[in-house]
Protein backbone atom coordinates (compact mmCIF):
# COMPACT_ATOMS: atom_id res chain seq x y z
CA UNK A 1 7.43 2.07 123.82
CA UNK A 2 6.74 4.79 126.37
CA UNK A 3 6.75 8.44 125.45
CA UNK A 4 8.03 11.34 127.44
CA UNK A 5 6.39 11.34 130.91
CA UNK A 6 5.10 14.90 130.62
CA UNK A 7 4.02 15.24 127.02
CA UNK A 8 3.71 11.68 125.74
CA UNK A 9 5.79 12.39 122.63
CA UNK A 10 8.32 9.87 121.29
CA UNK A 11 11.32 11.95 122.24
CA UNK A 12 11.79 9.67 125.28
CA UNK A 13 13.67 10.83 128.34
CA UNK A 14 17.21 11.16 126.98
CA UNK A 15 19.23 13.92 128.52
CA UNK A 16 21.02 16.13 126.05
CA UNK A 17 22.16 19.70 125.74
CA UNK A 18 18.71 20.79 124.52
CA UNK A 19 16.80 19.76 127.63
CA UNK A 20 15.62 21.78 130.60
CA UNK A 21 15.17 20.57 134.15
CA UNK A 22 11.58 20.60 135.49
CA UNK A 23 11.25 19.14 138.97
CA UNK A 24 12.37 15.54 138.78
CA UNK A 25 11.72 15.18 135.02
CA UNK A 26 13.79 16.33 132.03
CA UNK A 27 12.10 18.21 129.23
CA UNK A 28 13.40 18.04 125.67
CA UNK A 29 13.83 21.46 124.07
CA UNK A 30 10.76 21.04 121.85
CA UNK A 31 8.67 20.17 124.96
CA UNK A 32 9.75 23.20 126.97
CA UNK A 33 6.41 24.85 126.28
CA UNK A 34 4.91 22.22 128.58
CA UNK A 35 7.00 23.31 131.54
CA UNK A 36 3.92 24.83 133.15
CA UNK A 37 1.32 22.51 131.69
CA UNK A 38 1.69 19.12 133.32
CA UNK A 39 -1.22 16.93 132.30
CA UNK A 40 -3.31 15.98 135.31
CA UNK A 41 -6.81 14.84 135.97
CA UNK A 42 -9.08 17.69 137.06
CA UNK A 43 -9.04 18.18 140.79
CA UNK A 44 -12.25 17.34 142.60
CA UNK A 45 -14.10 20.34 143.97
CA UNK A 46 -12.95 21.42 147.41
CA UNK A 47 -15.64 21.16 150.08
CA UNK A 48 -15.12 22.91 153.38
CA UNK A 49 -17.44 22.21 156.29
CA UNK A 50 -19.74 25.00 157.45
CA UNK A 51 -17.68 25.36 160.64
CA UNK A 52 -14.43 25.59 158.65
CA UNK A 53 -16.01 28.36 156.60
CA UNK A 54 -17.18 30.13 159.82
CA UNK A 55 -13.64 30.02 161.20
CA UNK A 56 -12.13 31.24 157.92
CA UNK A 57 -14.58 34.12 157.79
CA UNK A 58 -13.30 35.33 161.17
CA UNK A 59 -9.69 34.73 160.16
CA UNK A 60 -10.36 36.85 157.07
CA UNK A 61 -11.45 39.66 159.39
CA UNK A 62 -8.13 39.47 161.23
CA UNK A 63 -9.25 37.64 164.35
CA UNK A 64 -6.89 35.36 166.26
CA UNK A 65 -7.73 31.84 167.42
CA UNK A 66 -8.69 32.90 170.95
CA UNK A 67 -11.09 35.57 169.72
CA UNK A 68 -12.64 33.23 167.13
CA UNK A 69 -13.04 30.57 169.84
CA UNK A 70 -14.80 33.07 172.11
CA UNK A 71 -17.12 34.31 169.38
CA UNK A 72 -18.09 30.80 168.18
CA UNK A 73 -18.19 29.18 171.61
CA UNK A 74 -15.34 26.79 170.86
CA UNK A 75 -12.00 25.97 172.43
CA UNK A 76 -8.93 27.57 170.81
CA UNK A 77 -7.65 24.05 170.04
CA UNK A 78 -10.86 23.33 168.15
CA UNK A 79 -10.39 26.49 166.08
CA UNK A 80 -6.86 25.36 165.27
CA UNK A 81 -8.23 21.97 164.22
CA UNK A 82 -10.74 23.56 161.84
CA UNK A 83 -7.97 25.74 160.40
CA UNK A 84 -5.68 22.74 159.91
CA UNK A 85 -8.50 20.90 158.15
CA UNK A 86 -9.13 23.82 155.81
CA UNK A 87 -5.40 24.21 155.13
CA UNK A 88 -5.11 20.51 154.30
CA UNK A 89 -8.12 20.57 151.95
CA UNK A 90 -6.90 23.72 150.17
CA UNK A 91 -3.23 22.74 150.12
CA UNK A 92 -2.10 25.87 151.91
CA UNK A 93 0.48 26.46 154.64
CA UNK A 94 -0.75 29.39 156.69
CA UNK A 95 -3.86 31.33 157.67
CA UNK A 96 -3.46 34.04 155.04
CA UNK A 97 -2.95 31.58 152.16
CA UNK A 98 -5.99 29.63 153.29
CA UNK A 99 -8.30 32.66 153.26
CA UNK A 100 -6.96 33.78 149.89
CA UNK A 101 -7.41 30.30 148.39
CA UNK A 102 -10.96 29.99 149.74
CA UNK A 103 -11.84 33.38 148.25
CA UNK A 104 -10.30 32.51 144.87
CA UNK A 105 -12.36 29.31 144.77
CA UNK A 106 -15.51 31.26 145.59
CA UNK A 107 -15.98 29.46 148.90
CA UNK A 108 -16.22 32.69 150.85
CA UNK A 109 -16.74 36.38 150.02
């Protein structure tokens, strides 16, 4: 007999008036406290390459791809590739989010 997918309790996944929607799962009223606490395995530590960190340091200073490429002796497409790699590893969607996430994780000052 399976429990609720988010909390494991025996309330099962019946929909009733006392449930709240959370993504694709339904939470019983007494499980609503878990709405922000989905049980997951700890994420592995994020590791950015030294070159990704170099590129992010320049992005953090407000430099564009062409300027970063010139300063590091790379092609602008290579800079974009390093940025895409860092964004993928950090789960971000733009340059600013990537720098902020790297700083929050202590990967860069």
